[in-house]
Structure formats: structure tokens, C-alpha cells
Amino acid sequence: MAADLILSPVAFTEYNYNMSACLLSKMQSIMPDQAKNLYFLFNHWSEQYSKYPTSLQNLVLSMYRKGIDNLLSVTLPDTRFVDRYTNFDEKCCIKSPHTGCSRLAAGVNNLINMIYEDKKVVEIF
């Protein structure tokens, strides 16, 4: 079974980094061709913390950049809707009155546009 793209969502924690490194290492040894298609997608990206080099977000990002090449440039924003969508299948809409939901929808659309190299807008998912 082959996949063109395998996404592994990760948070900005040292635990997530260690698990990502372990997953990538195992895949490289067991399924080297598939490991080339594994990419890590950051959840809970906070623009405000990106300004501070010593923030946990930047420290963990630095760990990933030193140890793992397969990082996506697209991130999903730090909003409670990431967890609500993931854990409870709550729908998100680009035109939602909840700013967190519309920010998540924009992040997912950025991911879709990166994958398909085309400007598409998914209004609800």
C-alpha cells in the first residue's frame, strides 16, 4: 500500500518531537519508500510566540528543524477548534462567527492549497 502524502499532526512539545523522531526512524527502517512521504504538520501555532526565540514553541520548532527534514511550512492555528474538530468531529466553516473556527478553516485551506498547488477554498469541513 502506497501513499503520496502521510501527514502526522504534532504539537509543540518535546514529547511530540521524540515521538515524531521515533516514528520517522521506524518508518525509515521498515518502509523507507513510505518514510519519504511522511510530513509533520504543526498544530496550535501561535503567531505571538513566534516573536520570542526562547518561547517553548520556538524551542521545539528548533529541535524539529535540527533533527527532522520533513516539516510542512503550513501550520494550524492555536485555537480550541483544533481539538474540537479532531476529538468531537465538530464542523468548521470559513465564514463561522467564531474566529477560532474560521482561523482553523483558513489553516486547513492553506494546507489543501499547498498539497494541490492550487487556490481552492473549502467552505465547510
Protein backbone atom coordinates (compact mmCIF):
# COMPACT_ATOMS: atom_id res chain seq x y z
CA MET A 1 0.00 0.00 0.00
CA ALA A 2 1.47 3.33 -1.04
CA ALA A 3 0.55 6.88 -0.16
CA ASP A 4 1.57 10.09 -1.88
CA LEU A 5 1.49 12.03 1.36
CA ILE A 6 1.33 10.96 5.00
CA LEU A 7 0.56 13.74 7.49
CA SER A 8 1.39 13.45 11.15
CA PRO A 9 -0.04 16.30 13.22
CA VAL A 10 2.20 17.36 16.09
CA ALA A 11 2.10 19.85 18.94
CA PHE A 12 4.95 21.97 20.24
CA THR A 13 6.19 19.67 22.99
CA GLU A 14 9.39 17.73 23.49
CA TYR A 15 7.28 14.58 23.85
CA ASN A 16 5.80 15.13 20.37
CA TYR A 17 9.28 15.68 18.97
CA ASN A 18 10.55 12.42 20.50
CA MET A 19 7.54 10.50 19.15
CA SER A 20 7.97 12.08 15.71
CA ALA A 21 11.65 11.16 15.60
CA CYS A 22 10.82 7.60 16.69
CA LEU A 23 8.05 7.27 14.08
CA LEU A 24 10.29 8.58 11.31
CA SER A 25 13.17 6.31 12.35
CA LYS A 26 10.93 3.21 12.43
CA MET A 27 9.41 4.06 9.07
CA GLN A 28 12.85 4.64 7.54
CA SER A 29 14.00 1.21 8.68
CA ILE A 30 10.81 -0.74 7.88
CA MET A 31 9.28 1.18 4.97
CA PRO A 32 11.94 3.54 3.56
CA ASP A 33 9.90 4.46 0.47
CA GLN A 34 6.90 5.44 2.60
CA ALA A 35 9.07 7.39 5.05
CA LYS A 36 9.88 9.83 2.24
CA ASN A 37 6.16 10.70 2.11
CA LEU A 38 5.79 11.35 5.86
CA TYR A 39 5.43 15.02 6.79
CA PHE A 40 4.81 16.70 10.11
CA LEU A 41 2.07 19.30 10.47
CA PHE A 42 2.21 21.66 13.45
CA ASN A 43 -0.98 22.20 15.41
CA HIS A 44 -1.63 25.07 17.82
CA TRP A 45 0.73 27.54 16.11
CA SER A 46 0.64 30.86 17.93
CA GLU A 47 1.88 33.86 15.99
CA GLN A 48 2.53 35.79 19.21
CA TYR A 49 5.06 33.21 20.44
CA SER A 50 6.92 33.13 17.13
CA LYS A 51 8.37 36.55 18.02
CA TYR A 52 10.21 35.23 21.07
CA PRO A 53 13.24 33.00 20.43
CA THR A 54 13.02 31.38 23.88
CA SER A 55 9.32 30.54 23.72
CA LEU A 56 8.50 26.84 24.03
CA GLN A 57 7.05 26.93 20.53
CA ASN A 58 10.32 28.21 19.02
CA LEU A 59 12.50 25.91 21.13
CA VAL A 60 10.58 22.83 19.99
CA LEU A 61 10.47 24.11 16.41
CA SER A 62 14.24 24.43 16.58
CA MET A 63 14.52 20.81 17.75
CA TYR A 64 12.40 19.66 14.81
CA ARG A 65 14.44 21.69 12.30
CA LYS A 66 17.70 20.21 13.59
CA GLY A 67 16.51 16.60 13.63
CA ILE A 68 13.78 16.21 11.01
CA ASP A 69 13.63 17.41 7.42
CA ASN A 70 10.02 16.55 6.60
CA LEU A 71 8.34 19.62 8.07
CA LEU A 72 5.45 21.41 6.42
CA SER A 73 5.59 25.17 6.18
CA VAL A 74 1.82 25.30 6.76
CA THR A 75 0.62 25.31 10.38
CA LEU A 76 -2.77 25.09 12.04
CA PRO A 77 -3.53 27.93 14.45
CA ASP A 78 -3.74 27.73 18.21
CA THR A 79 -7.47 27.55 18.71
CA ARG A 80 -9.73 25.29 20.75
CA PHE A 81 -11.42 24.32 17.49
CA VAL A 82 -8.40 22.19 16.51
CA ASP A 83 -9.19 19.88 19.42
CA ARG A 84 -12.95 20.12 18.96
CA TYR A 85 -12.65 19.21 15.29
CA THR A 86 -10.17 16.41 15.97
CA ASN A 87 -11.81 14.89 19.05
CA PHE A 88 -15.50 15.54 18.50
CA ASP A 89 -15.78 15.91 14.71
CA GLU A 90 -17.19 19.40 15.16
CA LYS A 91 -17.62 21.03 11.78
CA CYS A 92 -15.73 24.17 10.84
CA CYS A 93 -16.71 26.80 8.35
CA ILE A 94 -14.67 29.53 6.71
CA LYS A 95 -17.49 32.01 7.41
CA SER A 96 -18.03 30.96 11.03
CA PRO A 97 -18.82 33.74 13.52
CA HIS A 98 -16.31 32.04 15.86
CA THR A 99 -12.90 33.47 14.98
CA GLY A 100 -11.10 30.32 16.12
CA CYS A 101 -13.18 28.18 13.80
CA SER A 102 -12.67 30.46 10.81
CA ARG A 103 -8.90 30.62 11.55
CA LEU A 104 -8.76 26.81 11.60
CA ALA A 105 -10.69 26.68 8.33
CA ALA A 106 -8.20 29.13 6.80
CA GLY A 107 -5.30 26.94 8.02
CA VAL A 108 -6.85 23.81 6.52
CA ASN A 109 -7.40 25.67 3.25
CA ASN A 110 -3.72 26.69 3.26
CA LEU A 111 -2.81 23.03 3.70
CA ILE A 112 -5.10 21.98 0.84
CA ASN A 113 -3.65 24.68 -1.41
CA MET A 114 -0.10 23.56 -0.58
CA ILE A 115 -0.89 19.91 -1.33
CA TYR A 116 -2.75 20.54 -4.58
CA GLU A 117 -0.70 23.58 -5.63
CA ASP A 118 -3.93 25.32 -6.49
CA LYS A 119 -6.09 28.00 -4.93
CA LYS A 120 -9.14 26.17 -3.66
CA VAL A 121 -11.48 27.15 -0.86
CA VAL A 122 -13.25 24.50 1.16
CA GLU A 123 -16.01 26.38 2.93
CA ILE A 124 -17.03 23.70 5.42
CA PHE A 125 -15.40 20.53 6.62
